[in-house]
Amino acid sequence: MLSTIVFAAIFVGLLLASVVLWALFLRLGLRWAKVPDVTTRRVVAATAIVIVLQVAINLGFLFISPSSDAQTIVLGLVELVVAVVVPCAVISAVFKARFLRALQAWLPTLLAPVTTLAFALLVLRPFLYEAFVVPTNAMAPTLVGRHWKGTCPECGKPNYCSARDEQYGTADPPLMICENFHVTKASEIDKKIHAGDRFMVAKFLTPRRWDLVVFQYPEEPATLYVKRLVGLPGEKVHIQDGSVWVDGVSQTPPDSIKGIEYLSELPDWFGPDLWGSDNRPALLGNDEYFVLGDFSAQSKDSRLWEQGAPGHNPFAVPETHMKGVVTHTYWPPHRWRIHR
């Protein structure tokens, strides 16, 4: 709940700040262009009209799907022209000024998004929130990357698998996982490629068990992973009968992932026993975490890692590698979820 309140407050605050800044820079621009009869009422009216028109136009562009690169370029140019012409036309009409003078008055308003962008890059992103997109389906169905969809033969819920390049794919049907965590071989698949989820990560939250966390992959710190946190510092973790056991006690997952089963063995794995198996339990250090993917059959998580960060266990995510806790899936709209 706290994360949602903070997220909403930041979003609304940035929105209001951008509107106020636009109006202030418009007033400065009008003074610079020496437009007469500038009043607060007219500035507010012009700002409101421009915002309403721009929102409506941008929503309209969302429904246009270019079918070629040429159309994409043309559409981009049209958007750029509209973004300049619409506010200048509104300023010209409200203040009864010539178009070129309205253009001059509009130019300083470009500093409004620059100011909010600077705040986002210097304050919001490093310390509060950052947006990410899911690259794979290791966390499906909770977070899905580029995927194909189908229908689960066991429960009828939507199921997901990674989209394949059929030029290089195999003849074997892919494994799919549904919203009830049933893992089945694909039977019928809609091979339309759906985009991955976009989600927000809070930098100010302390990770807890069962949280979704973003972290630097220990073998390649420049690469960011998203997994589910199941083991905390100092704990002994192993997987038994599909459940996570910590210090000899079976852990009950939250209702949002009820029915999930984690695997301590993989049919196609020819290496040593997986970390977290009965023969190879994971004993975490005082600043280490153990993470798993929700699509356990197809997740490269703590169980499979062979090389850890310097001075740490191979299976562990060091505390210094943690980037934040996933709080919201915000796009596409039908995938909206609050995770914490």
C-alpha atoms as a PDB file:
ATOM      1  CA  MET A   1       0.000   0.000   0.000  1.00  0.00           C
ATOM      2  CA  LEU A   2       2.807   2.405   0.891  1.00  0.00           C
ATOM      3  CA  SER A   3       4.514   1.867  -2.461  1.00  0.00           C
ATOM      4  CA  THR A   4       1.261   2.581  -4.322  1.00  0.00           C
ATOM      5  CA  ILE A   5       0.705   5.816  -2.386  1.00  0.00           C
ATOM      6  CA  VAL A   6       4.290   6.940  -3.036  1.00  0.00           C
ATOM      7  CA  PHE A   7       4.048   5.944  -6.704  1.00  0.00           C
ATOM      8  CA  ALA A   8       0.752   7.816  -7.177  1.00  0.00           C
ATOM      9  CA  ALA A   9       2.040  10.868  -5.312  1.00  0.00           C
ATOM     10  CA  ILE A  10       5.183  11.034  -7.457  1.00  0.00           C
ATOM     11  CA  PHE A  11       3.209  10.562 -10.690  1.00  0.00           C
ATOM     12  CA  VAL A  12       0.639  13.221  -9.815  1.00  0.00           C
ATOM     13  CA  GLY A  13       3.343  15.543  -8.493  1.00  0.00           C
ATOM     14  CA  LEU A  14       5.381  15.297 -11.686  1.00  0.00           C
ATOM     15  CA  LEU A  15       2.257  15.837 -13.774  1.00  0.00           C
ATOM     16  CA  LEU A  16       1.273  18.957 -11.852  1.00  0.00           C
ATOM     17  CA  ALA A  17       4.852  20.238 -11.828  1.00  0.00           C
ATOM     18  CA  SER A  18       5.134  19.852 -15.605  1.00  0.00           C
ATOM     19  CA  VAL A  19       1.865  21.771 -16.107  1.00  0.00           C
ATOM     20  CA  VAL A  20       2.905  24.588 -13.768  1.00  0.00           C
ATOM     21  CA  LEU A  21       6.351  24.822 -15.352  1.00  0.00           C
ATOM     22  CA  TRP A  22       4.825  24.924 -18.834  1.00  0.00           C
ATOM     23  CA  ALA A  23       2.596  27.819 -17.800  1.00  0.00           C
ATOM     24  CA  LEU A  24       5.481  29.709 -16.162  1.00  0.00           C
ATOM     25  CA  PHE A  25       7.744  29.279 -19.181  1.00  0.00           C
ATOM     26  CA  LEU A  26       4.882  30.317 -21.461  1.00  0.00           C
ATOM     27  CA  ARG A  27       4.509  33.546 -19.491  1.00  0.00           C
ATOM     28  CA  LEU A  28       8.257  34.177 -19.846  1.00  0.00           C
ATOM     29  CA  GLY A  29       8.019  33.447 -23.549  1.00  0.00           C
ATOM     30  CA  LEU A  30       5.136  35.848 -23.997  1.00  0.00           C
ATOM     31  CA  ARG A  31       7.136  38.566 -22.280  1.00  0.00           C
ATOM     32  CA  TRP A  32      10.146  37.740 -24.466  1.00  0.00           C
ATOM     33  CA  ALA A  33       7.970  37.924 -27.612  1.00  0.00           C
ATOM     34  CA  LYS A  34       6.461  41.206 -26.329  1.00  0.00           C
ATOM     35  CA  VAL A  35       2.894  39.948 -26.647  1.00  0.00           C
ATOM     36  CA  PRO A  36       0.460  42.540 -25.166  1.00  0.00           C
ATOM     37  CA  ASP A  37      -2.416  41.933 -22.743  1.00  0.00           C
ATOM     38  CA  VAL A  38      -0.923  38.908 -21.017  1.00  0.00           C
ATOM     39  CA  THR A  39      -3.041  37.933 -18.007  1.00  0.00           C
ATOM     40  CA  THR A  40      -2.916  34.949 -15.655  1.00  0.00           C
ATOM     41  CA  ARG A  41      -6.379  33.885 -16.822  1.00  0.00           C
ATOM     42  CA  ARG A  42      -5.249  33.745 -20.447  1.00  0.00           C
ATOM     43  CA  VAL A  43      -2.067  31.855 -19.566  1.00  0.00           C
ATOM     44  CA  VAL A  44      -4.065  29.267 -17.606  1.00  0.00           C
ATOM     45  CA  ALA A  45      -6.606  28.963 -20.425  1.00  0.00           C
ATOM     46  CA  ALA A  46      -3.908  28.493 -23.079  1.00  0.00           C
ATOM     47  CA  THR A  47      -2.126  25.906 -20.920  1.00  0.00           C
ATOM     48  CA  ALA A  48      -5.330  23.931 -20.316  1.00  0.00           C
ATOM     49  CA  ILE A  49      -6.320  23.946 -23.997  1.00  0.00           C
ATOM     50  CA  VAL A  50      -2.864  22.856 -25.148  1.00  0.00           C
ATOM     51  CA  ILE A  51      -2.743  19.986 -22.649  1.00  0.00           C
ATOM     52  CA  VAL A  52      -6.215  18.711 -23.542  1.00  0.00           C
ATOM     53  CA  LEU A  53      -5.483  18.845 -27.267  1.00  0.00           C
ATOM     54  CA  GLN A  54      -2.091  17.181 -26.931  1.00  0.00           C
ATOM     55  CA  VAL A  55      -3.491  14.342 -24.806  1.00  0.00           C
ATOM     56  CA  ALA A  56      -6.312  13.770 -27.292  1.00  0.00           C
ATOM     57  CA  ILE A  57      -3.930  13.824 -30.274  1.00  0.00           C
ATOM     58  CA  ASN A  58      -1.429  11.483 -28.596  1.00  0.00           C
ATOM     59  CA  LEU A  59      -4.216   9.026 -27.790  1.00  0.00           C
ATOM     60  CA  GLY A  60      -5.263   9.163 -31.420  1.00  0.00           C
ATOM     61  CA  PHE A  61      -1.742   8.348 -32.583  1.00  0.00           C
ATOM     62  CA  LEU A  62      -1.733   5.272 -30.334  1.00  0.00           C
ATOM     63  CA  PHE A  63      -4.448   3.724 -32.491  1.00  0.00           C
ATOM     64  CA  ILE A  64      -2.442   4.173 -35.707  1.00  0.00           C
ATOM     65  CA  SER A  65      -0.296   1.149 -36.543  1.00  0.00           C
ATOM     66  CA  PRO A  66       2.136   1.827 -39.398  1.00  0.00           C
ATOM     67  CA  SER A  67       2.694  -1.212 -41.593  1.00  0.00           C
ATOM     68  CA  SER A  68       6.076  -0.224 -43.041  1.00  0.00           C
ATOM     69  CA  ASP A  69       9.241   1.690 -42.139  1.00  0.00           C
ATOM     70  CA  ALA A  70       8.247   4.471 -44.528  1.00  0.00           C
ATOM     71  CA  GLN A  71       4.891   4.908 -42.801  1.00  0.00           C
ATOM     72  CA  THR A  72       6.627   4.928 -39.413  1.00  0.00           C
ATOM     73  CA  ILE A  73       8.909   7.749 -40.554  1.00  0.00           C
ATOM     74  CA  VAL A  74       6.002   9.735 -42.006  1.00  0.00           C
ATOM     75  CA  LEU A  75       3.976   9.244 -38.823  1.00  0.00           C
ATOM     76  CA  GLY A  76       6.906  10.438 -36.716  1.00  0.00           C
ATOM     77  CA  LEU A  77       7.247  13.583 -38.833  1.00  0.00           C
ATOM     78  CA  VAL A  78       3.515  14.271 -38.570  1.00  0.00           C
ATOM     79  CA  GLU A  79       3.677  13.905 -34.778  1.00  0.00           C
ATOM     80  CA  LEU A  80       6.599  16.337 -34.648  1.00  0.00           C
ATOM     81  CA  VAL A  81       4.796  18.926 -36.764  1.00  0.00           C
ATOM     82  CA  VAL A  82       1.601  18.589 -34.732  1.00  0.00           C
ATOM     83  CA  ALA A  83       3.566  18.954 -31.476  1.00  0.00           C
ATOM     84  CA  VAL A  84       4.782  22.359 -32.697  1.00  0.00           C
ATOM     85  CA  VAL A  85       1.787  23.643 -34.649  1.00  0.00           C
ATOM     86  CA  VAL A  86      -0.961  22.873 -32.095  1.00  0.00           C
ATOM     87  CA  PRO A  87       0.448  24.840 -29.112  1.00  0.00           C
ATOM     88  CA  CYS A  88       1.530  27.724 -31.347  1.00  0.00           C
ATOM     89  CA  ALA A  89      -1.932  27.900 -32.906  1.00  0.00           C
ATOM     90  CA  VAL A  90      -3.542  27.922 -29.454  1.00  0.00           C
ATOM     91  CA  ILE A  91      -1.197  30.679 -28.219  1.00  0.00           C
ATOM     92  CA  SER A  92      -1.891  32.680 -31.357  1.00  0.00           C
ATOM     93  CA  ALA A  93      -5.656  32.364 -30.898  1.00  0.00           C
ATOM     94  CA  VAL A  94      -5.779  33.034 -27.151  1.00  0.00           C
ATOM     95  CA  PHE A  95      -3.436  36.048 -27.216  1.00  0.00           C
ATOM     96  CA  LYS A  96      -4.410  37.277 -30.700  1.00  0.00           C
ATOM     97  CA  ALA A  97      -0.786  37.241 -31.799  1.00  0.00           C
ATOM     98  CA  ARG A  98       0.787  36.428 -35.131  1.00  0.00           C
ATOM     99  CA  PHE A  99       1.893  32.821 -35.576  1.00  0.00           C
ATOM    100  CA  LEU A 100       5.624  33.632 -35.632  1.00  0.00           C
ATOM    101  CA  ARG A 101       5.314  35.644 -32.441  1.00  0.00           C
ATOM    102  CA  ALA A 102       3.339  32.752 -30.900  1.00  0.00           C
ATOM    103  CA  LEU A 103       6.133  30.419 -31.991  1.00  0.00           C
ATOM    104  CA  GLN A 104       8.664  32.646 -30.221  1.00  0.00           C
ATOM    105  CA  ALA A 105       6.512  32.641 -27.056  1.00  0.00           C
ATOM    106  CA  TRP A 106       6.205  28.823 -27.224  1.00  0.00           C
ATOM    107  CA  LEU A 107       9.959  28.129 -27.472  1.00  0.00           C
ATOM    108  CA  PRO A 108      10.729  28.627 -23.733  1.00  0.00           C
ATOM    109  CA  THR A 109       8.069  26.022 -22.839  1.00  0.00           C
ATOM    110  CA  LEU A 110      10.496  23.392 -24.152  1.00  0.00           C
ATOM    111  CA  LEU A 111      12.416  23.937 -20.904  1.00  0.00           C
ATOM    112  CA  ALA A 112       9.499  22.449 -18.902  1.00  0.00           C
ATOM    113  CA  PRO A 113      10.035  18.819 -19.999  1.00  0.00           C
ATOM    114  CA  VAL A 114      13.805  19.344 -19.766  1.00  0.00           C
ATOM    115  CA  THR A 115      13.392  20.338 -16.101  1.00  0.00           C
ATOM    116  CA  THR A 116      11.176  17.363 -15.233  1.00  0.00           C
ATOM    117  CA  LEU A 117      13.499  15.029 -17.152  1.00  0.00           C
ATOM    118  CA  ALA A 118      16.470  16.328 -15.170  1.00  0.00           C
ATOM    119  CA  PHE A 119      14.592  15.634 -11.921  1.00  0.00           C
ATOM    120  CA  ALA A 120      13.738  12.124 -13.112  1.00  0.00           C
ATOM    121  CA  LEU A 121      17.340  11.342 -14.073  1.00  0.00           C
ATOM    122  CA  LEU A 122      19.052  12.943 -11.074  1.00  0.00           C
ATOM    123  CA  VAL A 123      16.599  12.165  -8.253  1.00  0.00           C
ATOM    124  CA  LEU A 124      13.746   9.852  -9.227  1.00  0.00           C
ATOM    125  CA  ARG A 125      15.694   7.146 -11.050  1.00  0.00           C
ATOM    126  CA  PRO A 126      18.692   6.809  -8.668  1.00  0.00           C
ATOM    127  CA  PHE A 127      16.781   7.000  -5.376  1.00  0.00           C
ATOM    128  CA  LEU A 128      13.047   6.381  -5.819  1.00  0.00           C
ATOM    129  CA  TYR A 129      11.688   4.550  -8.860  1.00  0.00           C
ATOM    130  CA  GLU A 130      12.939   3.149 -12.135  1.00  0.00           C
ATOM    131  CA  ALA A 131      11.031   1.548 -15.004  1.00  0.00           C
ATOM    132  CA  PHE A 132      12.054  -1.738 -16.615  1.00  0.00           C
ATOM    133  CA  VAL A 133      10.783  -4.102 -19.295  1.00  0.00           C
ATOM    134  CA  VAL A 134      10.824  -7.886 -18.898  1.00  0.00           C
ATOM    135  CA  PRO A 135      13.356  -9.435 -21.321  1.00  0.00           C
ATOM    136  CA  THR A 136      12.458 -13.145 -20.879  1.00  0.00           C
ATOM    137  CA  ASN A 137       9.694 -15.408 -19.587  1.00  0.00           C
ATOM    138  CA  ALA A 138      11.603 -16.868 -16.630  1.00  0.00           C
ATOM    139  CA  MET A 139       9.127 -15.063 -14.336  1.00  0.00           C
ATOM    140  CA  ALA A 140       5.968 -16.018 -16.263  1.00  0.00           C
ATOM    141  CA  PRO A 141       3.105 -15.835 -15.596  1.00  0.00           C
ATOM    142  CA  THR A 142       3.816 -13.129 -12.984  1.00  0.00           C
ATOM    143  CA  LEU A 143       5.929 -11.083 -15.411  1.00  0.00           C
ATOM    144  CA  VAL A 144       6.004 -11.975 -19.089  1.00  0.00           C
ATOM    145  CA  GLY A 145       8.487 -11.002 -21.787  1.00  0.00           C
ATOM    146  CA  ARG A 146       7.922 -11.194 -25.551  1.00  0.00           C
ATOM    147  CA  HIS A 147       5.602 -14.178 -25.776  1.00  0.00           C
ATOM    148  CA  TRP A 148       3.097 -16.341 -27.543  1.00  0.00           C
ATOM    149  CA  LYS A 149      -0.234 -17.056 -25.861  1.00  0.00           C
ATOM    150  CA  GLY A 150      -2.384 -20.129 -25.651  1.00  0.00           C
ATOM    151  CA  THR A 151      -4.993 -21.768 -23.433  1.00  0.00           C
ATOM    152  CA  CYS A 152      -4.086 -24.130 -20.631  1.00  0.00           C
ATOM    153  CA  PRO A 153      -5.551 -27.617 -21.292  1.00  0.00           C
ATOM    154  CA  GLU A 154      -5.865 -28.232 -17.551  1.00  0.00           C
ATOM    155  CA  CYS A 155      -7.773 -25.155 -16.382  1.00  0.00           C
ATOM    156  CA  GLY A 156      -8.576 -23.045 -19.454  1.00  0.00           C
ATOM    157  CA  LYS A 157      -6.596 -20.026 -18.244  1.00  0.00           C
ATOM    158  CA  PRO A 158      -4.248 -18.132 -20.600  1.00  0.00           C
ATOM    159  CA  ASN A 159      -0.771 -19.628 -20.770  1.00  0.00           C
ATOM    160  CA  TYR A 160       2.508 -18.249 -22.070  1.00  0.00           C
ATOM    161  CA  CYS A 161       5.771 -19.246 -23.686  1.00  0.00           C
ATOM    162  CA  SER A 162       8.657 -17.366 -25.246  1.00  0.00           C
ATOM    163  CA  ALA A 163       8.183 -16.423 -28.882  1.00  0.00           C
ATOM    164  CA  ARG A 164      10.487 -18.437 -31.115  1.00  0.00           C
ATOM    165  CA  ASP A 165      12.244 -17.500 -34.305  1.00  0.00           C
ATOM    166  CA  GLU A 166      10.844 -20.392 -36.300  1.00  0.00           C
ATOM    167  CA  GLN A 167      13.783 -20.204 -38.692  1.00  0.00           C
ATOM    168  CA  TYR A 168      15.980 -21.492 -35.876  1.00  0.00           C
ATOM    169  CA  GLY A 169      13.390 -23.173 -33.666  1.00  0.00           C
ATOM    170  CA  THR A 170      12.965 -26.853 -32.979  1.00  0.00           C
ATOM    171  CA  ALA A 171      10.055 -29.080 -33.908  1.00  0.00           C
ATOM    172  CA  ASP A 172       9.315 -29.831 -30.247  1.00  0.00           C
ATOM    173  CA  PRO A 173       6.348 -27.919 -28.842  1.00  0.00           C
ATOM    174  CA  PRO A 174       7.474 -25.412 -26.214  1.00  0.00           C
ATOM    175  CA  LEU A 175       6.614 -25.627 -22.549  1.00  0.00           C
ATOM    176  CA  MET A 176       3.931 -23.163 -21.493  1.00  0.00           C
ATOM    177  CA  ILE A 177       2.882 -21.956 -18.054  1.00  0.00           C
ATOM    178  CA  CYS A 178      -0.590 -20.684 -17.206  1.00  0.00           C
ATOM    179  CA  GLU A 179      -1.870 -18.220 -14.638  1.00  0.00           C
ATOM    180  CA  ASN A 180      -2.503 -21.130 -12.245  1.00  0.00           C
ATOM    181  CA  PHE A 181       1.133 -22.268 -12.701  1.00  0.00           C
ATOM    182  CA  HIS A 182       0.246 -25.410 -14.684  1.00  0.00           C
ATOM    183  CA  VAL A 183       3.189 -26.316 -16.925  1.00  0.00           C
ATOM    184  CA  THR A 184       2.171 -28.147 -20.102  1.00  0.00           C
ATOM    185  CA  LYS A 185       3.387 -28.829 -23.609  1.00  0.00           C
ATOM    186  CA  ALA A 186       1.908 -26.393 -26.085  1.00  0.00           C
ATOM    187  CA  SER A 187      -1.002 -27.680 -28.121  1.00  0.00           C
ATOM    188  CA  GLU A 188      -2.561 -24.657 -29.806  1.00  0.00           C
ATOM    189  CA  ILE A 189      -0.647 -21.370 -29.819  1.00  0.00           C
ATOM    190  CA  ASP A 190      -1.538 -17.925 -31.047  1.00  0.00           C
ATOM    191  CA  LYS A 191       1.775 -17.065 -32.693  1.00  0.00           C
ATOM    192  CA  LYS A 192       1.156 -13.354 -32.654  1.00  0.00           C
ATOM    193  CA  ILE A 193       4.093 -11.913 -30.709  1.00  0.00           C
ATOM    194  CA  HIS A 194       2.962  -9.974 -27.644  1.00  0.00           C
ATOM    195  CA  ALA A 195       5.222  -7.378 -26.035  1.00  0.00           C
ATOM    196  CA  GLY A 196       6.722  -7.873 -22.592  1.00  0.00           C
ATOM    197  CA  ASP A 197       5.442  -6.352 -19.362  1.00  0.00           C
ATOM    198  CA  ARG A 198       6.754  -3.000 -18.186  1.00  0.00           C
ATOM    199  CA  PHE A 199       7.129  -2.603 -14.452  1.00  0.00           C
ATOM    200  CA  MET A 200       8.294  -0.189 -11.762  1.00  0.00           C
ATOM    201  CA  VAL A 201      11.052  -0.882  -9.254  1.00  0.00           C
ATOM    202  CA  ALA A 202      11.237   0.942  -5.912  1.00  0.00           C
ATOM    203  CA  LYS A 203      14.770   1.729  -4.765  1.00  0.00           C
ATOM    204  CA  PHE A 204      13.750   2.699  -1.219  1.00  0.00           C
ATOM    205  CA  LEU A 205      12.119  -0.583  -0.094  1.00  0.00           C
ATOM    206  CA  THR A 206      13.877  -3.286   1.923  1.00  0.00           C
ATOM    207  CA  PRO A 207      13.548  -6.679   0.154  1.00  0.00           C
ATOM    208  CA  ARG A 208      11.387  -9.293   1.870  1.00  0.00           C
ATOM    209  CA  ARG A 209      10.799 -12.978   1.203  1.00  0.00           C
ATOM    210  CA  TRP A 210       8.585 -13.555  -1.870  1.00  0.00           C
ATOM    211  CA  ASP A 211       9.273 -10.071  -3.250  1.00  0.00           C
ATOM    212  CA  LEU A 212      10.141  -9.672  -6.919  1.00  0.00           C
ATOM    213  CA  VAL A 213      13.580  -8.086  -7.034  1.00  0.00           C
ATOM    214  CA  VAL A 214      15.830  -6.607  -9.715  1.00  0.00           C
ATOM    215  CA  PHE A 215      19.544  -7.242  -9.251  1.00  0.00           C
ATOM    216  CA  GLN A 216      22.865  -7.373 -11.045  1.00  0.00           C
ATOM    217  CA  TYR A 217      23.573 -10.884 -12.333  1.00  0.00           C
ATOM    218  CA  PRO A 218      26.641 -11.985 -10.310  1.00  0.00           C
ATOM    219  CA  GLU A 219      28.486 -13.479 -13.317  1.00  0.00           C
ATOM    220  CA  GLU A 220      27.878 -10.364 -15.454  1.00  0.00           C
ATOM    221  CA  PRO A 221      27.100  -7.361 -13.216  1.00  0.00           C
ATOM    222  CA  ALA A 222      26.243  -5.206 -16.229  1.00  0.00           C
ATOM    223  CA  THR A 223      23.213  -7.480 -16.841  1.00  0.00           C
ATOM    224  CA  LEU A 224      20.078  -7.006 -14.736  1.00  0.00           C
ATOM    225  CA  TYR A 225      17.830  -9.911 -13.765  1.00  0.00           C
ATOM    226  CA  VAL A 226      14.393 -10.003 -12.148  1.00  0.00           C
ATOM    227  CA  LYS A 227      13.548 -12.985  -9.914  1.00  0.00           C
ATOM    228  CA  ARG A 228      11.615 -13.885  -6.773  1.00  0.00           C
ATOM    229  CA  LEU A 229      13.444 -13.598  -3.470  1.00  0.00           C
ATOM    230  CA  VAL A 230      13.080 -16.794  -1.414  1.00  0.00           C
ATOM    231  CA  GLY A 231      16.228 -16.958   0.772  1.00  0.00           C
ATOM    232  CA  LEU A 232      17.436 -14.255   3.163  1.00  0.00           C
ATOM    233  CA  PRO A 233      20.888 -13.640   4.670  1.00  0.00           C
ATOM    234  CA  GLY A 234      22.148 -16.396   6.978  1.00  0.00           C
ATOM    235  CA  GLU A 235      19.501 -18.946   5.963  1.00  0.00           C
ATOM    236  CA  LYS A 236      19.856 -22.504   4.677  1.00  0.00           C
ATOM    237  CA  VAL A 237      17.634 -22.996   1.631  1.00  0.00           C
ATOM    238  CA  HIS A 238      16.588 -26.157  -0.180  1.00  0.00           C
ATOM    239  CA  ILE A 239      13.714 -27.183  -2.461  1.00  0.00           C
ATOM    240  CA  GLN A 240      11.644 -30.253  -1.609  1.00  0.00           C
ATOM    241  CA  ASP A 241       8.370 -31.506  -3.128  1.00  0.00           C
ATOM    242  CA  GLY A 242       8.006 -28.271  -5.104  1.00  0.00           C
ATOM    243  CA  SER A 243       8.247 -26.057  -2.019  1.00  0.00           C
ATOM    244  CA  VAL A 244      10.958 -23.802  -0.609  1.00  0.00           C
ATOM    245  CA  TRP A 245      12.337 -24.922   2.753  1.00  0.00           C
ATOM    246  CA  VAL A 246      14.295 -22.545   4.973  1.00  0.00           C
ATOM    247  CA  ASP A 247      16.251 -23.876   7.945  1.00  0.00           C
ATOM    248  CA  GLY A 248      14.187 -27.068   7.773  1.00  0.00           C
ATOM    249  CA  VAL A 249      10.796 -25.314   7.669  1.00  0.00           C
ATOM    250  CA  SER A 250       8.520 -25.317   4.605  1.00  0.00           C
ATOM    251  CA  GLN A 251       7.617 -21.783   3.497  1.00  0.00           C
ATOM    252  CA  THR A 252       4.058 -20.929   2.449  1.00  0.00           C
ATOM    253  CA  PRO A 253       4.004 -18.703  -0.659  1.00  0.00           C
ATOM    254  CA  PRO A 254       1.549 -15.770  -0.882  1.00  0.00           C
ATOM    255  CA  ASP A 255      -1.873 -16.285  -2.459  1.00  0.00           C
ATOM    256  CA  SER A 256      -0.733 -14.514  -5.633  1.00  0.00           C
ATOM    257  CA  ILE A 257       1.485 -17.508  -6.488  1.00  0.00           C
ATOM    258  CA  LYS A 258      -0.582 -20.246  -4.874  1.00  0.00           C
ATOM    259  CA  GLY A 259       0.066 -23.520  -6.701  1.00  0.00           C
ATOM    260  CA  ILE A 260       3.608 -22.665  -7.824  1.00  0.00           C
ATOM    261  CA  GLU A 261       6.094 -25.551  -7.861  1.00  0.00           C
ATOM    262  CA  TYR A 262       9.848 -25.053  -7.775  1.00  0.00           C
ATOM    263  CA  LEU A 263      12.069 -27.777  -9.226  1.00  0.00           C
ATOM    264  CA  SER A 264      15.222 -29.166  -7.605  1.00  0.00           C
ATOM    265  CA  GLU A 265      15.933 -31.269 -10.720  1.00  0.00           C
ATOM    266  CA  LEU A 266      15.747 -30.415 -14.417  1.00  0.00           C
ATOM    267  CA  PRO A 267      15.373 -33.163 -17.064  1.00  0.00           C
ATOM    268  CA  ASP A 268      17.793 -31.547 -19.527  1.00  0.00           C
ATOM    269  CA  TRP A 269      20.387 -30.513 -16.939  1.00  0.00           C
ATOM    270  CA  PHE A 270      23.598 -32.552 -17.196  1.00  0.00           C
ATOM    271  CA  GLY A 271      25.723 -30.583 -14.743  1.00  0.00           C
ATOM    272  CA  PRO A 272      26.136 -31.121 -11.000  1.00  0.00           C
ATOM    273  CA  ASP A 273      23.169 -31.202  -8.648  1.00  0.00           C
ATOM    274  CA  LEU A 274      21.305 -27.918  -8.587  1.00  0.00           C
ATOM    275  CA  TRP A 275      21.952 -25.522  -5.753  1.00  0.00           C
ATOM    276  CA  GLY A 276      19.074 -25.811  -3.321  1.00  0.00           C
ATOM    277  CA  SER A 277      18.564 -29.527  -3.941  1.00  0.00           C
ATOM    278  CA  ASP A 278      18.654 -32.083  -1.118  1.00  0.00           C
ATOM    279  CA  ASN A 279      22.265 -32.939  -1.941  1.00  0.00           C
ATOM    280  CA  ARG A 280      23.343 -29.335  -2.387  1.00  0.00           C
ATOM    281  CA  PRO A 281      21.504 -26.978  -0.008  1.00  0.00           C
ATOM    282  CA  ALA A 282      22.342 -23.295  -0.238  1.00  0.00           C
ATOM    283  CA  LEU A 283      23.829 -21.822   2.928  1.00  0.00           C
ATOM    284  CA  LEU A 284      23.666 -18.058   2.572  1.00  0.00           C
ATOM    285  CA  GLY A 285      26.164 -15.601   3.998  1.00  0.00           C
ATOM    286  CA  ASN A 286      25.249 -12.587   6.107  1.00  0.00           C
ATOM    287  CA  ASP A 287      24.720 -10.357   3.048  1.00  0.00           C
ATOM    288  CA  GLU A 288      23.462 -12.883   0.475  1.00  0.00           C
ATOM    289  CA  TYR A 289      20.081 -13.736  -1.055  1.00  0.00           C
ATOM    290  CA  PHE A 290      18.711 -16.777  -2.920  1.00  0.00           C
ATOM    291  CA  VAL A 291      16.373 -16.145  -5.887  1.00  0.00           C
ATOM    292  CA  LEU A 292      14.139 -18.288  -8.094  1.00  0.00           C
ATOM    293  CA  GLY A 293      12.142 -17.779 -11.271  1.00  0.00           C
ATOM    294  CA  ASP A 294       8.393 -18.457 -11.231  1.00  0.00           C
ATOM    295  CA  PHE A 295       8.672 -20.506 -14.451  1.00  0.00           C
ATOM    296  CA  SER A 296      10.909 -22.937 -12.623  1.00  0.00           C
ATOM    297  CA  ALA A 297      11.397 -25.293 -15.577  1.00  0.00           C
ATOM    298  CA  GLN A 298      12.855 -22.494 -17.714  1.00  0.00           C
ATOM    299  CA  SER A 299      14.593 -20.098 -15.351  1.00  0.00           C
ATOM    300  CA  LYS A 300      18.312 -19.512 -14.983  1.00  0.00           C
ATOM    301  CA  ASP A 301      18.270 -18.618 -11.307  1.00  0.00           C
ATOM    302  CA  SER A 302      20.321 -19.307  -8.156  1.00  0.00           C
ATOM    303  CA  ARG A 303      19.949 -23.067  -8.659  1.00  0.00           C
ATOM    304  CA  LEU A 304      22.042 -23.072 -11.851  1.00  0.00           C
ATOM    305  CA  TRP A 305      24.676 -20.413 -11.325  1.00  0.00           C
ATOM    306  CA  GLU A 306      28.272 -21.608 -11.442  1.00  0.00           C
ATOM    307  CA  GLN A 307      30.237 -18.456 -10.644  1.00  0.00           C
ATOM    308  CA  GLY A 308      29.333 -15.942  -7.990  1.00  0.00           C
ATOM    309  CA  ALA A 309      30.415 -12.395  -7.313  1.00  0.00           C
ATOM    310  CA  PRO A 310      33.958 -12.125  -5.888  1.00  0.00           C
ATOM    311  CA  GLY A 311      33.997 -13.336  -2.293  1.00  0.00           C
ATOM    312  CA  HIS A 312      30.469 -14.766  -2.461  1.00  0.00           C
ATOM    313  CA  ASN A 313      28.786 -18.139  -2.980  1.00  0.00           C
ATOM    314  CA  PRO A 314      28.017 -19.085  -6.611  1.00  0.00           C
ATOM    315  CA  PHE A 315      24.276 -19.248  -5.921  1.00  0.00           C
ATOM    316  CA  ALA A 316      24.028 -15.940  -4.055  1.00  0.00           C
ATOM    317  CA  VAL A 317      22.959 -12.422  -4.937  1.00  0.00           C
ATOM    318  CA  PRO A 318      25.070 -10.083  -2.766  1.00  0.00           C
ATOM    319  CA  GLU A 319      23.241  -7.267  -1.030  1.00  0.00           C
ATOM    320  CA  THR A 320      25.378  -4.781  -2.985  1.00  0.00           C
ATOM    321  CA  HIS A 321      23.944  -6.190  -6.245  1.00  0.00           C
ATOM    322  CA  MET A 322      20.316  -5.514  -5.269  1.00  0.00           C
ATOM    323  CA  LYS A 323      18.741  -2.684  -7.284  1.00  0.00           C
ATOM    324  CA  GLY A 324      15.195  -2.622  -5.915  1.00  0.00           C
ATOM    325  CA  VAL A 325      11.808  -4.255  -5.363  1.00  0.00           C
ATOM    326  CA  VAL A 326       9.186  -4.620  -8.101  1.00  0.00           C
ATOM    327  CA  THR A 327       6.024  -2.801  -7.012  1.00  0.00           C
ATOM    328  CA  HIS A 328       3.784  -2.405 -10.073  1.00  0.00           C
ATOM    329  CA  THR A 329       3.294  -3.790 -13.552  1.00  0.00           C
ATOM    330  CA  TYR A 330       1.978  -0.727 -15.392  1.00  0.00           C
ATOM    331  CA  TRP A 331       1.897  -1.723 -19.082  1.00  0.00           C
ATOM    332  CA  PRO A 332       0.053  -3.069 -20.994  1.00  0.00           C
ATOM    333  CA  PRO A 333      -3.066  -1.883 -19.141  1.00  0.00           C
ATOM    334  CA  HIS A 334      -4.689  -5.333 -18.978  1.00  0.00           C
ATOM    335  CA  ARG A 335      -1.576  -6.624 -17.163  1.00  0.00           C
ATOM    336  CA  TRP A 336      -1.743  -3.926 -14.439  1.00  0.00           C
ATOM    337  CA  ARG A 337      -0.814  -5.429 -11.080  1.00  0.00           C
ATOM    338  CA  ILE A 338       0.337  -4.295  -7.656  1.00  0.00           C
ATOM    339  CA  HIS A 339       3.108  -6.597  -6.442  1.00  0.00           C
ATOM    340  CA  ARG A 340       3.923  -4.813  -3.204  1.00  0.00           C
END
